N, C-alpha and C. Protein backbone atom coordinates (compact mmCIF):
# COMPACT_ATOMS: atom_id res chain seq x y z
N GLY A 1 -16.93 -6.63 -5.05
CA GLY A 1 -17.82 -7.75 -5.00
C GLY A 1 -17.94 -8.28 -3.58
N ASP A 2 -18.01 -9.60 -3.48
CA ASP A 2 -18.23 -10.25 -2.19
C ASP A 2 -16.94 -10.75 -1.55
N ARG A 3 -15.82 -10.31 -2.02
CA ARG A 3 -14.54 -10.77 -1.47
C ARG A 3 -14.08 -9.79 -0.39
N GLY A 4 -13.85 -10.29 0.80
CA GLY A 4 -13.53 -9.40 1.92
C GLY A 4 -12.10 -9.48 2.39
N THR A 5 -11.28 -10.32 1.72
CA THR A 5 -9.88 -10.46 2.12
C THR A 5 -8.98 -10.12 0.94
N LEU A 6 -7.91 -9.42 1.22
CA LEU A 6 -6.96 -9.00 0.19
C LEU A 6 -5.57 -9.47 0.59
N ARG A 7 -4.86 -10.04 -0.37
CA ARG A 7 -3.46 -10.43 -0.19
C ARG A 7 -2.63 -9.55 -1.11
N LEU A 8 -1.74 -8.77 -0.54
CA LEU A 8 -0.95 -7.82 -1.32
C LEU A 8 0.54 -8.06 -1.16
N ASP A 9 1.27 -7.84 -2.26
CA ASP A 9 2.72 -7.91 -2.27
C ASP A 9 3.27 -6.55 -2.66
N LEU A 10 4.13 -6.00 -1.82
CA LEU A 10 4.83 -4.75 -2.11
C LEU A 10 6.27 -5.10 -2.46
N GLU A 11 6.66 -4.81 -3.69
CA GLU A 11 8.02 -5.10 -4.18
C GLU A 11 8.71 -3.78 -4.48
N ILE A 12 9.81 -3.51 -3.80
CA ILE A 12 10.58 -2.29 -4.03
C ILE A 12 11.84 -2.66 -4.80
N ALA A 13 11.98 -2.08 -6.02
CA ALA A 13 13.08 -2.43 -6.91
C ALA A 13 14.23 -1.43 -6.86
N ALA A 14 13.94 -0.17 -6.55
CA ALA A 14 15.00 0.85 -6.52
C ALA A 14 14.62 1.95 -5.53
N VAL A 15 15.65 2.51 -4.89
CA VAL A 15 15.46 3.58 -3.90
C VAL A 15 16.60 4.58 -4.08
N SER A 16 16.25 5.87 -4.03
CA SER A 16 17.30 6.89 -4.04
C SER A 16 16.84 8.10 -3.25
N GLY A 17 17.77 9.00 -2.99
CA GLY A 17 17.49 10.19 -2.20
C GLY A 17 18.25 10.14 -0.89
N THR A 18 18.08 11.18 -0.09
CA THR A 18 18.71 11.24 1.22
C THR A 18 17.68 10.88 2.27
N ALA A 19 17.96 9.82 3.02
CA ALA A 19 17.04 9.30 4.05
C ALA A 19 15.63 9.09 3.50
N PRO A 20 15.50 8.37 2.35
CA PRO A 20 14.17 8.18 1.76
C PRO A 20 13.32 7.19 2.57
N THR A 21 12.03 7.47 2.65
CA THR A 21 11.09 6.55 3.28
C THR A 21 9.84 6.44 2.41
N LEU A 22 9.23 5.28 2.44
CA LEU A 22 7.98 5.01 1.72
C LEU A 22 7.01 4.37 2.69
N HIS A 23 5.82 4.92 2.77
CA HIS A 23 4.76 4.36 3.60
C HIS A 23 3.57 4.12 2.68
N VAL A 24 3.08 2.88 2.62
CA VAL A 24 1.93 2.53 1.77
C VAL A 24 0.78 2.11 2.67
N GLN A 25 -0.30 2.87 2.61
CA GLN A 25 -1.50 2.60 3.41
C GLN A 25 -2.61 2.09 2.50
N ILE A 26 -3.34 1.10 2.97
CA ILE A 26 -4.47 0.53 2.24
C ILE A 26 -5.75 1.09 2.83
N GLU A 27 -6.61 1.62 1.96
CA GLU A 27 -7.88 2.20 2.39
C GLU A 27 -9.03 1.53 1.65
N THR A 28 -10.23 1.56 2.23
CA THR A 28 -11.40 0.95 1.63
C THR A 28 -12.61 1.85 1.81
N ALA A 29 -13.59 1.69 0.91
CA ALA A 29 -14.83 2.47 0.98
C ALA A 29 -15.97 1.67 0.35
N LYS A 30 -17.18 1.97 0.75
CA LYS A 30 -18.35 1.27 0.21
C LYS A 30 -18.71 1.75 -1.19
N THR A 31 -18.42 3.03 -1.50
CA THR A 31 -18.69 3.58 -2.82
C THR A 31 -17.48 4.37 -3.28
N THR A 32 -17.42 4.68 -4.58
CA THR A 32 -16.28 5.45 -5.09
C THR A 32 -16.28 6.88 -4.57
N SER A 33 -17.44 7.39 -4.22
CA SER A 33 -17.50 8.76 -3.70
C SER A 33 -17.60 8.81 -2.17
N GLY A 34 -17.60 7.63 -1.54
CA GLY A 34 -17.71 7.57 -0.09
C GLY A 34 -16.39 7.88 0.60
N THR A 35 -16.48 8.09 1.88
CA THR A 35 -15.29 8.35 2.68
C THR A 35 -14.52 7.06 2.88
N ALA A 36 -13.23 7.10 2.56
CA ALA A 36 -12.38 5.92 2.72
C ALA A 36 -11.89 5.83 4.16
N ARG A 37 -11.68 4.60 4.61
CA ARG A 37 -11.12 4.38 5.94
C ARG A 37 -9.87 3.52 5.80
N ALA A 38 -8.90 3.75 6.64
CA ALA A 38 -7.66 2.98 6.63
C ALA A 38 -7.93 1.57 7.15
N VAL A 39 -7.36 0.58 6.46
CA VAL A 39 -7.52 -0.82 6.86
C VAL A 39 -6.21 -1.38 7.41
N ASP A 40 -5.13 -1.10 6.71
CA ASP A 40 -3.82 -1.66 7.08
C ASP A 40 -2.75 -0.82 6.38
N ALA A 41 -1.49 -1.10 6.68
CA ALA A 41 -0.40 -0.38 6.04
C ALA A 41 0.86 -1.23 6.04
N PHE A 42 1.68 -0.98 5.05
CA PHE A 42 3.02 -1.54 5.03
C PHE A 42 3.88 -0.55 5.80
N GLY A 43 4.66 -1.04 6.72
CA GLY A 43 5.49 -0.17 7.55
C GLY A 43 6.46 0.65 6.71
N PRO A 44 7.06 1.68 7.29
CA PRO A 44 7.98 2.52 6.54
C PRO A 44 9.11 1.70 5.90
N LYS A 45 9.32 1.92 4.61
CA LYS A 45 10.37 1.21 3.86
C LYS A 45 11.47 2.20 3.51
N THR A 46 12.71 1.72 3.58
CA THR A 46 13.86 2.57 3.30
C THR A 46 14.83 1.92 2.31
N ALA A 47 14.55 0.68 1.90
CA ALA A 47 15.50 -0.04 1.05
C ALA A 47 14.76 -0.99 0.10
N ILE A 48 15.51 -1.53 -0.85
CA ILE A 48 14.97 -2.53 -1.78
C ILE A 48 14.54 -3.75 -0.96
N GLY A 49 13.42 -4.35 -1.35
CA GLY A 49 12.93 -5.53 -0.66
C GLY A 49 11.48 -5.78 -0.98
N SER A 50 10.89 -6.71 -0.25
CA SER A 50 9.49 -7.05 -0.48
C SER A 50 8.80 -7.40 0.83
N GLU A 51 7.50 -7.29 0.82
CA GLU A 51 6.68 -7.66 1.97
C GLU A 51 5.32 -8.09 1.47
N ARG A 52 4.76 -9.11 2.10
CA ARG A 52 3.42 -9.59 1.77
C ARG A 52 2.53 -9.41 2.99
N ARG A 53 1.32 -8.91 2.75
CA ARG A 53 0.36 -8.72 3.84
C ARG A 53 -1.01 -9.23 3.39
N ALA A 54 -1.74 -9.78 4.33
CA ALA A 54 -3.13 -10.17 4.11
C ALA A 54 -3.99 -9.33 5.04
N MET A 55 -5.11 -8.85 4.53
CA MET A 55 -6.00 -8.02 5.34
C MET A 55 -7.44 -8.36 5.04
N SER A 56 -8.30 -8.20 6.02
CA SER A 56 -9.72 -8.49 5.85
C SER A 56 -10.55 -7.32 6.35
N GLY A 57 -11.87 -7.46 6.27
CA GLY A 57 -12.76 -6.39 6.71
C GLY A 57 -12.88 -5.28 5.67
N LEU A 58 -12.73 -5.65 4.40
CA LEU A 58 -12.75 -4.66 3.33
C LEU A 58 -14.15 -4.40 2.80
N ASP A 59 -14.36 -3.18 2.33
CA ASP A 59 -15.57 -2.85 1.61
C ASP A 59 -15.32 -3.11 0.12
N ARG A 60 -16.25 -2.71 -0.74
CA ARG A 60 -16.16 -3.02 -2.16
C ARG A 60 -14.96 -2.38 -2.86
N PHE A 61 -14.63 -1.15 -2.53
CA PHE A 61 -13.56 -0.43 -3.22
C PHE A 61 -12.33 -0.32 -2.33
N VAL A 62 -11.16 -0.50 -2.95
CA VAL A 62 -9.89 -0.46 -2.22
C VAL A 62 -8.92 0.42 -3.00
N ARG A 63 -8.11 1.18 -2.27
CA ARG A 63 -7.07 1.99 -2.90
C ARG A 63 -5.85 2.01 -2.00
N TYR A 64 -4.73 2.45 -2.56
CA TYR A 64 -3.54 2.64 -1.73
C TYR A 64 -3.12 4.10 -1.78
N VAL A 65 -2.49 4.53 -0.71
CA VAL A 65 -1.93 5.88 -0.64
C VAL A 65 -0.46 5.71 -0.30
N ALA A 66 0.41 6.20 -1.18
CA ALA A 66 1.86 6.12 -0.97
C ALA A 66 2.36 7.49 -0.53
N THR A 67 3.07 7.52 0.59
CA THR A 67 3.63 8.76 1.12
C THR A 67 5.15 8.63 1.16
N LEU A 68 5.83 9.57 0.52
CA LEU A 68 7.29 9.58 0.49
C LEU A 68 7.83 10.61 1.46
N GLY A 69 8.96 10.28 2.06
CA GLY A 69 9.62 11.20 2.96
C GLY A 69 11.11 11.26 2.68
N GLY A 70 11.79 12.22 3.25
CA GLY A 70 13.22 12.39 3.04
C GLY A 70 13.48 13.55 2.09
N THR A 71 14.72 13.65 1.63
CA THR A 71 15.11 14.69 0.69
C THR A 71 15.24 14.08 -0.70
N SER A 72 14.46 14.58 -1.63
CA SER A 72 14.42 14.07 -3.01
C SER A 72 14.23 12.55 -3.06
N PRO A 73 13.23 12.02 -2.35
CA PRO A 73 13.05 10.57 -2.33
C PRO A 73 12.51 10.06 -3.66
N SER A 74 12.95 8.87 -4.05
CA SER A 74 12.46 8.21 -5.25
C SER A 74 12.41 6.71 -5.00
N PHE A 75 11.27 6.11 -5.28
CA PHE A 75 11.08 4.67 -5.13
C PHE A 75 10.49 4.11 -6.41
N THR A 76 11.02 2.99 -6.87
CA THR A 76 10.40 2.23 -7.94
C THR A 76 9.78 1.01 -7.25
N PHE A 77 8.44 0.93 -7.28
CA PHE A 77 7.80 -0.18 -6.56
C PHE A 77 6.56 -0.65 -7.31
N ALA A 78 6.15 -1.86 -6.98
CA ALA A 78 4.93 -2.45 -7.51
C ALA A 78 4.11 -2.97 -6.35
N LEU A 79 2.81 -2.76 -6.42
CA LEU A 79 1.89 -3.30 -5.43
C LEU A 79 0.91 -4.18 -6.20
N THR A 80 0.99 -5.47 -5.96
CA THR A 80 0.13 -6.43 -6.66
C THR A 80 -0.56 -7.32 -5.65
N GLY A 81 -1.58 -8.03 -6.09
CA GLY A 81 -2.26 -8.93 -5.17
C GLY A 81 -3.52 -9.50 -5.72
N GLU A 82 -4.30 -10.08 -4.81
CA GLU A 82 -5.55 -10.72 -5.19
C GLU A 82 -6.57 -10.59 -4.08
N ALA A 83 -7.83 -10.56 -4.47
CA ALA A 83 -8.93 -10.57 -3.51
C ALA A 83 -9.45 -12.00 -3.45
N VAL A 84 -9.66 -12.48 -2.24
CA VAL A 84 -10.15 -13.86 -2.07
C VAL A 84 -11.32 -13.88 -1.11
């Protein structure tokens, strides 16, 4: 819609593996079939915790891409938020 700002909370509840890392990138696009562009990212996470980020300059559609690193990494996390 017409909301261009997003407030997101990343909550990590559990982490396992050897040297596990989690990188969550936020991407946006004008259409569902359009090319997405990176808007912002939560820095590499290695432990239980939380972070809140606000970002603007968004198009209509938003998605996240989670990338795991390390040996047998496992993360239990939630990404929640609101568009304002």
